[in-house]
Amino acid sequence: MAVSFITTIGTTDYGFDWVNKVIEIEAAVLEISAADLKDAIHDAQDGTEGMSFDQIAISGNPVVLTATTSTFLNVILLSTWKILSLSVSGTFTVGEGNVVSLADGIDIFAPNVLVTLVNNTSAAGVLVTTGGSSMTAEQDAKLTSVEAKTAELWKTRGLEIGNPVTVTPTGVDTDDGDIDLDLSGDGIATTIIERQA
């Protein structure tokens, strides 16, 4: 491998080999985060040497969904870029976000038979903080009940989706000096409009 650029994020050295498209992680490190990897890639791409090469990765910053919920940081390695752990034993883990390869999905590692390689990704991609404001089962049941009752009310009034209301005059009554106009909807409800003389 021919590493031509090294950047240090925290206490970890990240070496970049643009020819073989490999990001080397020093041997003493057994875990890196998606955020640190993103910062290292940013340093490499923005360096004088990195500017003359194709982009290494793109990232999608976490999206805040509620006060206690957000999506994970997503780092997507482009082309055939891989991560190479230089460790000689143990388990090397990439976590605290989703690191994937555009070419190979969750297969983001260059081979190293001396270590177990773990890519902690989330299929759902959503991190929920415990103790937040999630609905209880009782609240969910109440909401479902209200939604069902509202849908039934709309249906009985002829207002459900796909059943437009048509209004047809059915009679005029002027017996008492007032003009009463009867209007029928879809046969379920009748509305009477009165105009005072």
Protein backbone atom coordinates (compact mmCIF):
# COMPACT_ATOMS: atom_id res chain seq x y z
CA MET A 1 0.00 0.00 0.00
CA ALA A 2 1.19 3.50 -0.72
CA VAL A 3 -0.26 5.91 1.82
CA SER A 4 0.36 9.44 0.64
CA PHE A 5 -1.70 11.45 3.13
CA ILE A 6 -2.17 11.02 6.89
CA THR A 7 -4.54 12.96 9.13
CA THR A 8 -5.10 12.58 12.85
CA ILE A 9 -8.61 12.80 14.28
CA GLY A 10 -8.63 12.66 18.08
CA THR A 11 -5.78 10.23 18.73
CA THR A 12 -6.26 8.08 15.62
CA ASP A 13 -4.19 8.29 12.46
CA TYR A 14 -6.03 7.79 9.15
CA GLY A 15 -3.81 7.06 6.13
CA PHE A 16 -5.10 7.54 2.58
CA ASP A 17 -3.91 5.56 -0.41
CA TRP A 18 -5.53 7.12 -3.50
CA VAL A 19 -4.12 4.55 -5.91
CA ASN A 20 -5.54 1.46 -4.16
CA LYS A 21 -8.50 3.40 -2.67
CA VAL A 22 -7.80 2.35 0.91
CA ILE A 23 -8.12 4.19 4.22
CA GLU A 24 -5.64 2.68 6.67
CA ILE A 25 -6.38 2.76 10.40
CA GLU A 26 -3.35 2.43 12.68
CA ALA A 27 -2.80 -0.92 14.43
CA ALA A 28 -3.46 0.25 18.00
CA VAL A 29 -7.02 1.37 17.18
CA LEU A 30 -9.86 -1.16 17.44
CA GLU A 31 -12.83 1.16 16.97
CA ILE A 32 -13.67 4.26 14.93
CA SER A 33 -16.85 6.28 14.65
CA ALA A 34 -18.64 7.38 11.51
CA ALA A 35 -18.19 11.01 12.62
CA ASP A 36 -14.40 10.68 12.99
CA LEU A 37 -14.17 8.85 9.66
CA LYS A 38 -16.18 11.64 8.03
CA ASP A 39 -13.79 14.27 9.47
CA ALA A 40 -10.71 12.32 8.30
CA ILE A 41 -12.13 11.96 4.79
CA HIS A 42 -12.97 15.66 4.76
CA ASP A 43 -9.36 16.52 5.67
CA ALA A 44 -8.02 14.21 2.94
CA GLN A 45 -10.35 15.47 0.21
CA ASP A 46 -9.68 19.12 1.04
CA GLY A 47 -5.91 18.73 1.22
CA THR A 48 -3.71 19.88 -1.64
CA GLU A 49 -3.05 16.33 -2.79
CA GLY A 50 -6.63 15.11 -2.36
CA MET A 51 -8.06 17.84 -4.57
CA SER A 52 -6.54 16.24 -7.66
CA PHE A 53 -8.32 12.91 -7.03
CA ASP A 54 -11.94 11.81 -7.20
CA GLN A 55 -14.13 12.24 -4.15
CA ILE A 56 -13.71 9.53 -1.48
CA ALA A 57 -17.11 9.66 0.19
CA ILE A 58 -20.27 11.64 0.73
CA SER A 59 -22.12 11.94 3.98
CA GLY A 60 -25.60 12.70 5.15
CA ASN A 61 -25.65 14.53 8.44
CA PRO A 62 -28.11 13.38 11.10
CA VAL A 63 -31.63 14.73 10.66
CA VAL A 64 -33.37 15.83 13.86
CA LEU A 65 -36.84 14.26 13.88
CA THR A 66 -38.02 15.29 17.36
CA ALA A 67 -36.36 16.62 20.51
CA THR A 68 -35.25 13.08 21.41
CA THR A 69 -35.00 11.35 18.01
CA SER A 70 -32.65 11.75 15.07
CA THR A 71 -31.32 9.74 12.19
CA PHE A 72 -27.78 8.40 12.30
CA LEU A 73 -24.89 10.01 10.43
CA ASN A 74 -24.45 8.21 7.09
CA VAL A 75 -21.05 8.00 5.40
CA ILE A 76 -21.07 6.51 1.89
CA LEU A 77 -17.74 5.38 0.47
CA LEU A 78 -17.61 6.02 -3.26
CA SER A 79 -16.05 3.94 -6.01
CA THR A 80 -14.21 0.97 -4.46
CA TRP A 81 -12.88 2.72 -1.34
CA LYS A 82 -12.34 0.39 1.65
CA ILE A 83 -11.20 0.68 5.26
CA LEU A 84 -8.12 -1.33 6.26
CA SER A 85 -7.42 -2.06 9.92
CA LEU A 86 -3.72 -2.61 10.52
CA SER A 87 -4.45 -4.43 13.81
CA VAL A 88 -2.95 -7.89 14.25
CA SER A 89 -5.56 -9.27 16.68
CA GLY A 90 -8.94 -8.57 18.25
CA THR A 91 -12.07 -7.03 16.80
CA PHE A 92 -12.08 -3.86 14.73
CA THR A 93 -15.41 -2.01 14.77
CA VAL A 94 -16.86 0.88 12.78
CA GLY A 95 -19.91 2.30 14.55
CA GLU A 96 -21.86 5.28 15.88
CA GLY A 97 -23.45 5.78 12.49
CA ASN A 98 -23.88 4.04 9.17
CA VAL A 99 -20.79 3.56 7.01
CA VAL A 100 -21.58 1.88 3.70
CA SER A 101 -20.05 1.44 0.29
CA LEU A 102 -21.75 2.66 -2.87
CA ALA A 103 -20.24 -0.33 -4.67
CA ASP A 104 -20.53 -3.04 -2.00
CA GLY A 105 -23.21 -2.06 0.54
CA ILE A 106 -22.10 -2.85 4.09
CA ASP A 107 -18.89 -4.55 2.89
CA ILE A 108 -16.57 -1.64 3.69
CA PHE A 109 -13.39 -3.45 4.77
CA ALA A 110 -10.22 -4.36 2.95
CA PRO A 111 -9.27 -7.93 3.97
CA ASN A 112 -7.37 -8.50 7.22
CA VAL A 113 -7.52 -12.14 8.35
CA LEU A 114 -5.90 -11.30 11.70
CA VAL A 115 -8.90 -9.38 13.09
CA THR A 116 -12.66 -9.73 13.23
CA LEU A 117 -14.23 -6.88 11.27
CA VAL A 118 -17.54 -5.45 12.47
CA ASN A 119 -19.59 -2.78 10.71
CA ASN A 120 -22.35 -1.67 13.08
CA THR A 121 -25.09 -0.34 10.84
CA SER A 122 -28.77 0.25 11.48
CA ALA A 123 -31.38 -0.98 9.04
CA ALA A 124 -33.87 1.51 10.45
CA GLY A 125 -31.26 4.23 10.68
CA VAL A 126 -33.06 5.93 13.57
CA LEU A 127 -31.66 6.55 17.03
CA VAL A 128 -34.27 7.08 19.76
CA THR A 129 -33.30 8.59 23.09
CA THR A 130 -34.94 6.75 25.96
CA GLY A 131 -37.09 8.62 28.46
CA GLY A 132 -38.43 10.85 25.71
CA SER A 133 -41.95 11.71 24.75
CA SER A 134 -42.96 8.53 22.93
CA MET A 135 -46.61 7.57 23.28
CA THR A 136 -47.54 4.91 25.78
CA ALA A 137 -49.63 1.93 24.66
CA GLU A 138 -52.66 3.56 26.28
CA GLN A 139 -52.10 6.85 24.41
CA ASP A 140 -51.64 4.98 21.14
CA ALA A 141 -54.92 3.09 21.71
CA LYS A 142 -56.75 6.35 22.42
CA LEU A 143 -55.37 7.97 19.27
CA THR A 144 -56.32 4.93 17.19
CA SER A 145 -59.81 5.02 18.70
CA VAL A 146 -60.24 8.73 17.92
CA GLU A 147 -59.02 8.21 14.35
CA ALA A 148 -61.46 5.32 13.87
CA LYS A 149 -64.37 7.33 15.28
CA THR A 150 -63.50 10.32 13.10
CA ALA A 151 -63.35 8.12 10.00
CA GLU A 152 -66.74 6.58 10.88
CA LEU A 153 -68.25 10.04 11.43
CA TRP A 154 -67.01 11.21 8.04
CA LYS A 155 -68.34 8.04 6.43
CA THR A 156 -71.83 8.42 7.94
CA ARG A 157 -71.91 12.00 6.66
CA GLY A 158 -70.96 10.87 3.20
CA LEU A 159 -67.58 12.61 3.35
CA GLU A 160 -65.20 9.68 3.12
CA ILE A 161 -62.60 9.67 0.35
CA GLY A 162 -64.04 8.61 -2.99
CA ASN A 163 -67.62 9.56 -2.07
CA PRO A 164 -68.09 13.24 -2.94
CA VAL A 165 -71.16 14.95 -1.59
CA THR A 166 -73.74 16.01 -4.15
CA VAL A 167 -76.41 18.49 -3.13
CA THR A 168 -79.81 18.39 -4.87
CA PRO A 169 -82.77 20.66 -4.05
CA THR A 170 -85.72 18.43 -3.17
CA GLY A 171 -88.43 20.91 -2.27
CA VAL A 172 -89.39 24.48 -1.47
CA ASP A 173 -91.89 25.34 1.27
CA THR A 174 -93.34 28.85 1.64
CA ASP A 175 -96.40 28.01 3.77
CA ASP A 176 -95.45 30.18 6.76
CA GLY A 177 -94.07 33.11 4.76
CA ASP A 178 -90.49 31.86 5.10
CA ILE A 179 -88.69 30.17 2.22
CA ASP A 180 -87.55 26.71 3.30
CA LEU A 181 -85.28 24.88 0.87
CA ASP A 182 -84.65 21.17 1.50
CA LEU A 183 -81.29 19.88 0.27
CA SER A 184 -80.35 16.18 0.19
CA GLY A 185 -76.80 14.94 0.16
CA ASP A 186 -76.03 11.32 -0.62
CA GLY A 187 -79.17 10.01 1.02
CA ILE A 188 -77.51 9.67 4.42
CA ALA A 189 -77.97 13.21 5.69
CA THR A 190 -80.48 15.97 4.95
CA THR A 191 -79.75 19.65 5.50
CA ILE A 192 -82.47 22.26 5.70
CA ILE A 193 -81.56 25.86 4.87
CA GLU A 194 -84.05 28.46 6.02
CA ARG A 195 -84.16 32.03 4.79
CA GLN A 196 -86.12 34.42 6.89
CA ALA A 197 -88.52 36.67 4.93
